[in-house]
Amino acid sequence: MEDSQPSLSRERIDLDHAGNSTTTTIPFDLVIEILSRLPAKSLLRFQSVSKLWFSTIRSKIFVDSFLTWSKTRPRLLLMSYLLKNLQKINFIFSAPEHTDNNDDDKSSTVMARYDMPILEPSDYLISGSVNGFVCFRGQVCNTITVYNPITRQAVKLPEVTPNGRCMHASLGYDPVKDQYKVLCVTMRSDSIRKYNQQEHFVCTVSSSQKQEWRKIENPTGDNYSYVCGETCIDGALYYGAGLSRIVRFDVRSEKIDFIKIPKLESYMFSTAYRSIFINYKGKLARIDCSFPENFMTLWVFEDAEKQEWSSMTCVLPSQWKYLTASHLMSEGVIHTGELVVFSGLLDSSKPFYVCYYDFNKKIIRKVEILGMKDGDFRGIHGTSWMSCFPGHIENIRFL
């Protein structure tokens, strides 16, 4: 994971006091514990203090400790893009998930933090946060780039050659081998717009090793018409395959199998309908949006062997009835299990709100996100589009 670094075998660190020869020893595990609670951007600056600090902060034991701690304080990943002089500009922000889950406090505010711009203005987000990493794809060319918004590191993968096919890419993580991989699916289309003969390619993400795409076989032989949405749970990457199935890709073994989607009885798929796949309390879940009825349905995959799903319904705020499917968004749930709902249309003249829906209490809380119209957004007027991904965590790992 890291480049060659000084040894971290020392169990204690010596601190020389200025002006005298007194030396105080601090146990190394205590130093790790203290540093892991500091802000990520401070740690990045502290790497320049000494070689020992650099090697300590870059070590796997510290990166893992910091990641564990940051999972207890997850943030929202906010990706905004706007058009200026016919050029698309992307920005990544993050914000605390919420202030306090208090039934008496139905409205609150949090401050967003500007993390980084996207290197290629035309790139667009193709994968939500996986341990803090996000994946973008070039709109014009077929480049795929993995970003760490905290370290501002960007790892560009070899260009994919789809040969006239449609292409979909997703980021996954194998916790056993501690590896990040991108799965790329290319689908051929014929003259009547039917899709067939998918090809699957995998690339292990690393800046220190040679990266290449490896073709993997689909042993089921099943084809699907299109790909939509994705989520990574416990080493498995899930995404929708057509209207009736979900693909499960095991990131470690690189094997593919299928899951049946629950039958929708009350409404049919249309342009006013949108589905995504999320991690709901450690389980695969699917969110279906129905705008004529103005509600969302959360389907939870309860039993893999029996292919059984349970469901819960969320009634959307009445003031959002005018929004279309392309405006109203939900990209998952926060660590409390509350569903995140927001408007994808960001108007610089109006506040930007995120709503949390508690399925058990049937309560909606509204949080205003501040700080997204200052700095790089200052002086920019008009509208832009917004994506909001829960569960974004701070990760100081360098791939």
Protein backbone atom coordinates (compact mmCIF):
# COMPACT_ATOMS: atom_id res chain seq x y z
CA MET A 1 0.00 0.00 0.00
CA GLU A 2 2.78 2.44 0.93
CA ASP A 3 6.18 3.21 -0.51
CA SER A 4 9.32 2.14 1.33
CA GLN A 5 9.39 3.88 4.70
CA PRO A 6 11.44 3.86 7.93
CA SER A 7 10.72 0.97 10.29
CA LEU A 8 7.96 1.40 12.87
CA SER A 9 9.18 -1.40 15.13
CA ARG A 10 9.81 0.98 18.02
CA GLU A 11 7.30 0.48 20.82
CA ARG A 12 7.92 3.93 22.32
CA ILE A 13 8.62 7.41 20.95
CA ASP A 14 11.08 9.76 22.64
CA LEU A 15 10.13 13.43 22.96
CA ASP A 16 12.99 15.86 23.75
CA HIS A 17 11.94 18.83 25.84
CA ALA A 18 13.25 22.15 24.61
CA GLY A 19 16.02 23.66 26.75
CA ASN A 20 16.97 20.52 28.70
CA SER A 21 18.05 16.96 28.18
CA THR A 22 15.04 15.41 29.88
CA THR A 23 13.48 12.72 27.71
CA THR A 24 9.91 11.50 28.09
CA THR A 25 8.82 8.24 26.51
CA ILE A 26 5.28 7.77 25.29
CA PRO A 27 4.01 4.29 24.35
CA PHE A 28 3.66 3.98 20.59
CA ASP A 29 0.08 2.69 20.80
CA LEU A 30 -0.85 5.79 22.80
CA VAL A 31 0.73 8.02 20.14
CA ILE A 32 -1.34 6.22 17.50
CA GLU A 33 -4.47 6.71 19.62
CA ILE A 34 -3.80 10.44 20.02
CA LEU A 35 -2.94 11.10 16.38
CA SER A 36 -5.95 9.13 15.09
CA ARG A 37 -8.28 11.66 16.74
CA LEU A 38 -6.77 14.66 14.98
CA PRO A 39 -8.35 16.16 11.85
CA ALA A 40 -7.22 14.44 8.64
CA LYS A 41 -5.89 17.61 7.04
CA SER A 42 -3.79 18.34 10.14
CA LEU A 43 -2.26 14.87 9.90
CA LEU A 44 -1.33 15.47 6.27
CA ARG A 45 0.57 18.60 7.32
CA PHE A 46 2.23 16.80 10.25
CA GLN A 47 3.91 14.38 7.83
CA SER A 48 6.52 17.06 7.23
CA VAL A 49 7.53 17.28 10.92
CA SER A 50 10.07 14.44 10.70
CA LYS A 51 10.77 11.14 8.97
CA LEU A 52 9.37 9.31 12.00
CA TRP A 53 6.11 11.27 11.89
CA PHE A 54 5.90 10.71 8.14
CA SER A 55 6.37 6.95 8.44
CA THR A 56 4.00 6.75 11.41
CA ILE A 57 1.15 8.60 9.69
CA ARG A 58 1.68 6.65 6.45
CA SER A 59 1.88 3.26 8.19
CA LYS A 60 -0.90 0.73 7.68
CA ILE A 61 -1.47 0.31 11.42
CA PHE A 62 -2.13 4.04 11.78
CA VAL A 63 -4.22 4.36 8.60
CA ASP A 64 -6.40 1.46 9.79
CA SER A 65 -6.74 3.02 13.26
CA PHE A 66 -7.70 6.38 11.79
CA LEU A 67 -10.24 4.73 9.45
CA THR A 68 -11.85 2.88 12.37
CA TRP A 69 -12.15 6.11 14.33
CA SER A 70 -13.48 8.12 11.38
CA LYS A 71 -16.25 5.56 10.83
CA THR A 72 -17.73 6.74 14.13
CA ARG A 73 -18.09 10.27 12.70
CA PRO A 74 -19.28 9.72 9.11
CA ARG A 75 -19.99 12.64 6.81
CA LEU A 76 -22.14 13.34 3.79
CA LEU A 77 -20.30 13.38 0.48
CA LEU A 78 -21.62 16.32 -1.57
CA MET A 79 -20.73 16.52 -5.25
CA SER A 80 -21.90 19.57 -7.18
CA TYR A 81 -21.39 20.45 -10.80
CA LEU A 82 -22.37 23.53 -12.75
CA LEU A 83 -22.05 24.82 -16.29
CA LYS A 84 -20.01 27.97 -16.84
CA ASN A 85 -19.19 29.21 -20.32
CA LEU A 86 -20.44 25.87 -21.65
CA GLN A 87 -17.87 24.04 -19.52
CA LYS A 88 -18.79 21.59 -16.78
CA ILE A 89 -17.08 22.25 -13.42
CA ASN A 90 -17.12 19.67 -10.60
CA PHE A 91 -16.62 20.28 -6.88
CA ILE A 92 -16.49 17.86 -3.93
CA PHE A 93 -17.76 18.99 -0.53
CA SER A 94 -18.46 17.10 2.68
CA ALA A 95 -20.56 17.86 5.74
CA PRO A 96 -21.46 16.23 9.07
CA GLU A 97 -24.37 13.82 8.72
CA HIS A 98 -26.54 15.75 11.17
CA THR A 99 -26.38 17.62 14.47
CA ASP A 100 -28.50 15.65 16.91
CA ASN A 101 -31.23 13.09 16.37
CA ASN A 102 -33.71 14.86 18.64
CA ASP A 103 -37.44 14.45 18.09
CA ASP A 104 -37.98 18.03 19.26
CA ASP A 105 -35.47 19.43 16.76
CA LYS A 106 -37.04 18.98 13.31
CA SER A 107 -34.78 21.56 11.63
CA SER A 108 -31.07 22.32 12.01
CA THR A 109 -27.99 23.49 10.07
CA VAL A 110 -24.52 22.08 9.38
CA MET A 111 -21.51 23.61 7.64
CA ALA A 112 -20.13 22.02 4.48
CA ARG A 113 -16.39 21.82 3.89
CA TYR A 114 -14.86 22.28 0.46
CA ASP A 115 -12.59 19.29 -0.14
CA MET A 116 -11.35 19.44 -3.74
CA PRO A 117 -12.14 20.15 -7.39
CA ILE A 118 -12.21 17.34 -9.93
CA LEU A 119 -9.09 17.36 -12.11
CA GLU A 120 -10.93 16.81 -15.37
CA PRO A 121 -13.91 19.21 -15.60
CA SER A 122 -15.89 16.86 -17.84
CA ASP A 123 -15.68 13.88 -15.48
CA TYR A 124 -18.82 12.70 -13.72
CA LEU A 125 -19.36 10.61 -10.59
CA ILE A 126 -20.05 6.93 -11.29
CA SER A 127 -19.70 5.47 -7.82
CA GLY A 128 -20.59 6.63 -4.33
CA SER A 129 -18.15 6.61 -1.43
CA VAL A 130 -16.32 3.35 -0.66
CA ASN A 131 -14.33 3.93 2.55
CA GLY A 132 -14.01 7.56 1.52
CA PHE A 133 -12.85 6.88 -2.05
CA VAL A 134 -14.96 7.94 -5.04
CA CYS A 135 -14.81 6.96 -8.70
CA PHE A 136 -15.25 9.27 -11.71
CA ARG A 137 -15.43 8.59 -15.43
CA GLY A 138 -14.53 10.90 -18.29
CA GLN A 139 -17.52 12.10 -20.28
CA VAL A 140 -15.64 12.39 -23.58
CA CYS A 141 -12.91 9.76 -23.25
CA ASN A 142 -13.22 6.44 -21.42
CA THR A 143 -10.83 7.19 -18.56
CA ILE A 144 -11.71 6.13 -15.00
CA THR A 145 -10.16 7.93 -12.02
CA VAL A 146 -10.33 7.03 -8.32
CA TYR A 147 -10.11 10.01 -5.94
CA ASN A 148 -9.41 10.41 -2.24
CA PRO A 149 -10.94 13.82 -1.38
CA ILE A 150 -8.97 14.01 1.91
CA THR A 151 -5.47 13.46 0.51
CA ARG A 152 -6.48 14.88 -2.89
CA GLN A 153 -4.79 11.90 -4.48
CA ALA A 154 -6.09 10.81 -7.88
CA VAL A 155 -5.28 7.43 -9.43
CA LYS A 156 -6.09 7.23 -13.12
CA LEU A 157 -6.71 3.75 -14.48
CA PRO A 158 -5.71 2.59 -17.98
CA GLU A 159 -8.18 3.71 -20.62
CA VAL A 160 -10.94 1.27 -21.49
CA THR A 161 -11.69 0.51 -25.14
CA PRO A 162 -15.42 -0.27 -25.34
CA ASN A 163 -15.40 -0.64 -29.15
CA GLY A 164 -18.67 1.22 -29.60
CA ARG A 165 -20.35 -0.39 -26.60
CA CYS A 166 -22.01 1.23 -23.61
CA MET A 167 -19.81 1.20 -20.52
CA HIS A 168 -20.54 1.10 -16.77
CA ALA A 169 -17.93 1.10 -13.99
CA SER A 170 -18.19 0.61 -10.21
CA LEU A 171 -15.72 0.74 -7.31
CA GLY A 172 -15.53 -2.14 -4.83
CA TYR A 173 -13.43 -3.07 -1.80
CA ASP A 174 -12.12 -6.42 -0.55
CA PRO A 175 -11.57 -6.16 3.25
CA VAL A 176 -9.69 -9.49 3.41
CA LYS A 177 -6.85 -8.53 1.05
CA ASP A 178 -7.35 -4.80 1.64
CA GLN A 179 -7.73 -4.13 -2.10
CA TYR A 180 -9.83 -1.68 -4.10
CA LYS A 181 -11.01 -2.83 -7.51
CA VAL A 182 -13.02 -1.29 -10.34
CA LEU A 183 -15.46 -3.49 -12.24
CA CYS A 184 -16.17 -2.32 -15.78
CA VAL A 185 -19.04 -3.74 -17.86
CA THR A 186 -19.27 -3.10 -21.59
CA MET A 187 -22.46 -3.92 -23.51
CA ARG A 188 -22.86 -4.16 -27.27
CA SER A 189 -25.93 -2.66 -28.94
CA ASP A 190 -27.41 -3.53 -32.32
CA SER A 191 -29.43 -1.42 -34.76
CA ILE A 192 -32.69 -1.86 -32.84
CA ARG A 193 -31.14 -0.76 -29.54
CA LYS A 194 -31.11 -4.17 -27.90
CA TYR A 195 -28.22 -4.94 -25.57
CA ASN A 196 -26.39 -8.25 -25.45
CA GLN A 197 -23.04 -9.98 -24.99
CA GLN A 198 -21.67 -8.16 -21.97
CA GLU A 199 -17.98 -8.25 -21.20
CA HIS A 200 -16.66 -7.78 -17.67
CA PHE A 201 -13.24 -6.33 -16.85
CA VAL A 202 -11.56 -5.81 -13.47
CA CYS A 203 -8.68 -3.53 -12.50
CA THR A 204 -6.97 -3.45 -9.08
CA VAL A 205 -6.43 0.17 -8.00
CA SER A 206 -2.81 0.96 -7.09
CA SER A 207 -0.41 3.79 -7.83
CA SER A 208 2.67 1.72 -6.97
CA GLN A 209 1.98 -1.33 -9.14
CA LYS A 210 1.25 -1.85 -12.81
CA GLN A 211 -2.47 -1.55 -13.47
CA GLU A 212 -4.22 -3.45 -16.20
CA TRP A 213 -7.72 -4.62 -17.06
CA ARG A 214 -8.38 -8.34 -16.69
CA LYS A 215 -11.31 -9.92 -18.46
CA ILE A 216 -13.48 -12.19 -16.30
CA GLU A 217 -16.13 -14.62 -17.42
CA ASN A 218 -19.81 -14.63 -16.50
CA PRO A 219 -20.39 -18.32 -15.72
CA THR A 220 -24.18 -17.92 -15.66
CA GLY A 221 -24.24 -16.84 -19.29
CA ASP A 222 -27.09 -14.45 -18.44
CA ASN A 223 -27.35 -11.17 -20.32
CA TYR A 224 -29.05 -7.99 -19.15
CA SER A 225 -30.36 -4.92 -20.93
CA TYR A 226 -28.68 -2.16 -18.90
CA VAL A 227 -26.87 -1.36 -15.64
CA CYS A 228 -27.98 1.06 -12.90
CA GLY A 229 -26.86 2.00 -9.40
CA GLU A 230 -24.33 0.27 -7.20
CA THR A 231 -23.30 -0.32 -3.59
CA CYS A 232 -20.47 -2.26 -1.93
CA ILE A 233 -21.24 -4.30 1.22
CA ASP A 234 -18.80 -6.60 3.03
CA GLY A 235 -16.63 -7.29 0.00
CA ALA A 236 -19.48 -7.65 -2.50
CA LEU A 237 -20.44 -5.15 -5.18
CA TYR A 238 -24.13 -4.96 -6.15
CA TYR A 239 -25.77 -3.22 -9.10
CA GLY A 240 -29.03 -3.43 -11.01
CA ALA A 241 -29.10 -5.51 -14.20
CA GLY A 242 -32.25 -4.75 -16.18
CA LEU A 243 -35.65 -4.63 -14.52
CA SER A 244 -35.68 -7.97 -12.71
CA ARG A 245 -32.20 -8.80 -11.40
CA ILE A 246 -29.29 -7.55 -9.33
CA VAL A 247 -25.70 -8.56 -10.06
CA ARG A 248 -23.55 -9.60 -7.09
CA PHE A 249 -19.82 -9.34 -7.80
CA ASP A 250 -17.50 -10.83 -5.17
CA VAL A 251 -14.56 -8.41 -5.13
CA ARG A 252 -12.06 -10.95 -3.78
CA SER A 253 -12.89 -14.00 -5.92
CA GLU A 254 -14.11 -11.88 -8.88
CA LYS A 255 -17.12 -14.17 -9.32
CA ILE A 256 -20.57 -13.08 -10.52
CA ASP A 257 -24.04 -14.29 -9.54
CA PHE A 258 -27.58 -12.87 -9.64
CA ILE A 259 -30.32 -11.87 -7.19
CA LYS A 260 -33.99 -11.49 -8.13
CA ILE A 261 -35.53 -8.05 -7.63
CA PRO A 262 -38.83 -7.99 -5.68
CA LYS A 263 -41.92 -7.83 -7.86
CA LEU A 264 -43.44 -4.36 -8.05
CA GLU A 265 -47.21 -4.62 -7.85
CA SER A 266 -48.52 -1.07 -7.50
CA TYR A 267 -46.66 0.75 -10.28
CA MET A 268 -44.61 0.12 -13.39
CA PHE A 269 -41.22 1.33 -14.49
CA SER A 270 -41.35 4.66 -16.32
CA THR A 271 -39.40 7.90 -16.71
CA ALA A 272 -41.00 9.06 -13.43
CA TYR A 273 -39.47 6.17 -11.53
CA ARG A 274 -35.97 5.67 -10.17
CA SER A 275 -34.26 2.87 -8.24
CA ILE A 276 -30.95 2.73 -6.37
CA PHE A 277 -29.19 0.10 -4.25
CA ILE A 278 -27.86 0.89 -0.80
CA ASN A 279 -26.41 -0.55 2.39
CA TYR A 280 -29.21 -0.58 4.99
CA LYS A 281 -27.83 -1.62 8.40
CA GLY A 282 -25.42 -4.06 6.76
CA LYS A 283 -27.99 -5.51 4.35
CA LEU A 284 -28.56 -4.97 0.65
CA ALA A 285 -31.53 -2.69 0.06
CA ARG A 286 -33.26 -1.03 -2.87
CA ILE A 287 -35.08 2.29 -2.94
CA ASP A 288 -37.93 2.74 -5.42
CA CYS A 289 -39.32 6.20 -6.08
CA SER A 290 -42.91 6.71 -7.22
CA PHE A 291 -43.74 10.31 -7.95
CA PRO A 292 -47.41 10.20 -8.94
CA GLU A 293 -48.08 8.80 -5.44
CA ASN A 294 -45.24 10.91 -3.94
CA PHE A 295 -43.56 8.19 -1.86
CA MET A 296 -40.46 6.03 -1.68
CA THR A 297 -40.33 2.31 -0.88
CA LEU A 298 -37.35 0.73 0.86
CA TRP A 299 -36.90 -2.97 0.05
CA VAL A 300 -34.48 -4.90 2.32
CA PHE A 301 -32.90 -8.20 1.21
CA GLU A 302 -33.57 -10.40 4.25
CA ASP A 303 -32.73 -13.94 3.09
CA ALA A 304 -30.25 -14.74 0.29
CA GLU A 305 -31.13 -18.44 0.14
CA LYS A 306 -34.90 -17.86 -0.10
CA GLN A 307 -34.51 -14.60 -2.07
CA GLU A 308 -36.88 -12.85 0.38
CA TRP A 309 -37.37 -9.09 0.71
CA SER A 310 -39.16 -6.93 3.27
CA SER A 311 -40.44 -3.41 2.56
CA MET A 312 -41.14 -0.04 4.24
CA THR A 313 -42.68 3.10 2.77
CA CYS A 314 -41.69 6.75 3.16
CA VAL A 315 -44.19 9.51 2.28
CA LEU A 316 -42.33 12.46 0.80
CA PRO A 317 -42.79 16.07 1.99
CA SER A 318 -45.80 17.73 0.36
CA GLN A 319 -43.70 20.69 -0.82
CA TRP A 320 -41.76 18.33 -3.11
CA LYS A 321 -44.76 17.25 -5.16
CA TYR A 322 -43.74 19.54 -8.00
CA LEU A 323 -40.34 17.86 -8.41
CA THR A 324 -39.75 15.32 -11.17
CA ALA A 325 -37.81 12.08 -10.89
CA SER A 326 -34.68 13.77 -12.22
CA HIS A 327 -34.78 16.34 -9.39
CA LEU A 328 -35.71 14.33 -6.30
CA MET A 329 -32.86 12.11 -5.09
CA SER A 330 -31.98 9.58 -2.44
CA GLU A 331 -28.59 7.88 -2.34
CA GLY A 332 -28.87 5.88 0.86
CA VAL A 333 -29.17 5.98 4.63
CA ILE A 334 -26.97 7.40 7.39
CA HIS A 335 -25.58 5.31 10.26
CA THR A 336 -28.78 5.75 12.30
CA GLY A 337 -30.78 4.05 9.53
CA GLU A 338 -32.54 7.26 8.45
CA LEU A 339 -33.14 7.66 4.73
CA VAL A 340 -31.53 10.70 3.09
CA VAL A 341 -33.80 12.59 0.66
CA PHE A 342 -32.86 15.78 -1.17
CA SER A 343 -33.47 17.81 -4.30
CA GLY A 344 -30.79 17.32 -6.94
CA LEU A 345 -31.38 20.83 -8.30
CA LEU A 346 -29.13 23.32 -6.48
CA ASP A 347 -30.29 26.92 -6.87
CA SER A 348 -27.67 29.46 -5.73
CA SER A 349 -30.44 31.86 -4.64
CA LYS A 350 -32.14 29.36 -2.32
CA PRO A 351 -31.04 27.28 0.70
CA PHE A 352 -29.98 23.67 0.10
CA TYR A 353 -31.70 21.17 2.39
CA VAL A 354 -31.19 17.49 3.14
CA CYS A 355 -34.02 15.57 4.82
CA TYR A 356 -33.69 12.48 7.03
CA TYR A 357 -36.59 10.05 7.28
CA ASP A 358 -36.84 7.67 10.23
CA PHE A 359 -38.79 4.58 9.11
CA ASN A 360 -39.53 3.52 12.68
CA LYS A 361 -40.72 6.87 14.07
CA LYS A 362 -42.19 8.10 10.75
CA ILE A 363 -40.45 11.44 11.31
CA ILE A 364 -38.73 13.70 8.78
CA ARG A 365 -35.94 16.03 9.94
CA LYS A 366 -34.67 18.84 7.73
CA VAL A 367 -31.02 19.99 7.73
CA GLU A 368 -29.79 23.04 5.84
CA ILE A 369 -26.28 22.67 4.36
CA LEU A 370 -24.34 25.94 4.63
CA GLY A 371 -21.05 26.97 3.05
CA MET A 372 -21.58 25.69 -0.47
CA LYS A 373 -22.09 29.11 -2.04
CA ASP A 374 -18.94 30.67 -0.65
CA GLY A 375 -15.34 30.31 -1.79
CA ASP A 376 -15.27 28.75 -5.24
CA PHE A 377 -19.02 29.32 -5.60
CA ARG A 378 -18.84 33.02 -4.74
CA GLY A 379 -19.95 35.16 -7.65
CA ILE A 380 -21.48 32.20 -9.53
CA HIS A 381 -25.19 32.63 -10.15
CA GLY A 382 -27.83 30.37 -11.61
CA THR A 383 -28.36 26.69 -10.92
CA SER A 384 -26.26 23.54 -10.63
CA TRP A 385 -26.83 19.85 -9.90
CA MET A 386 -26.19 18.13 -6.62
CA SER A 387 -25.40 14.57 -5.51
CA CYS A 388 -25.40 13.62 -1.83
CA PHE A 389 -23.93 10.30 -0.66
CA PRO A 390 -24.26 9.24 3.01
CA GLY A 391 -21.59 7.30 4.84
CA HIS A 392 -18.62 9.24 3.47
CA ILE A 393 -15.69 8.83 5.87
CA GLU A 394 -12.30 10.48 6.10
CA ASN A 395 -9.50 8.20 4.88
CA ILE A 396 -5.83 9.26 4.84
CA ARG A 397 -4.69 6.22 2.86
CA PHE A 398 -2.59 6.77 -0.26
CA LEU A 399 -3.25 4.07 -2.85
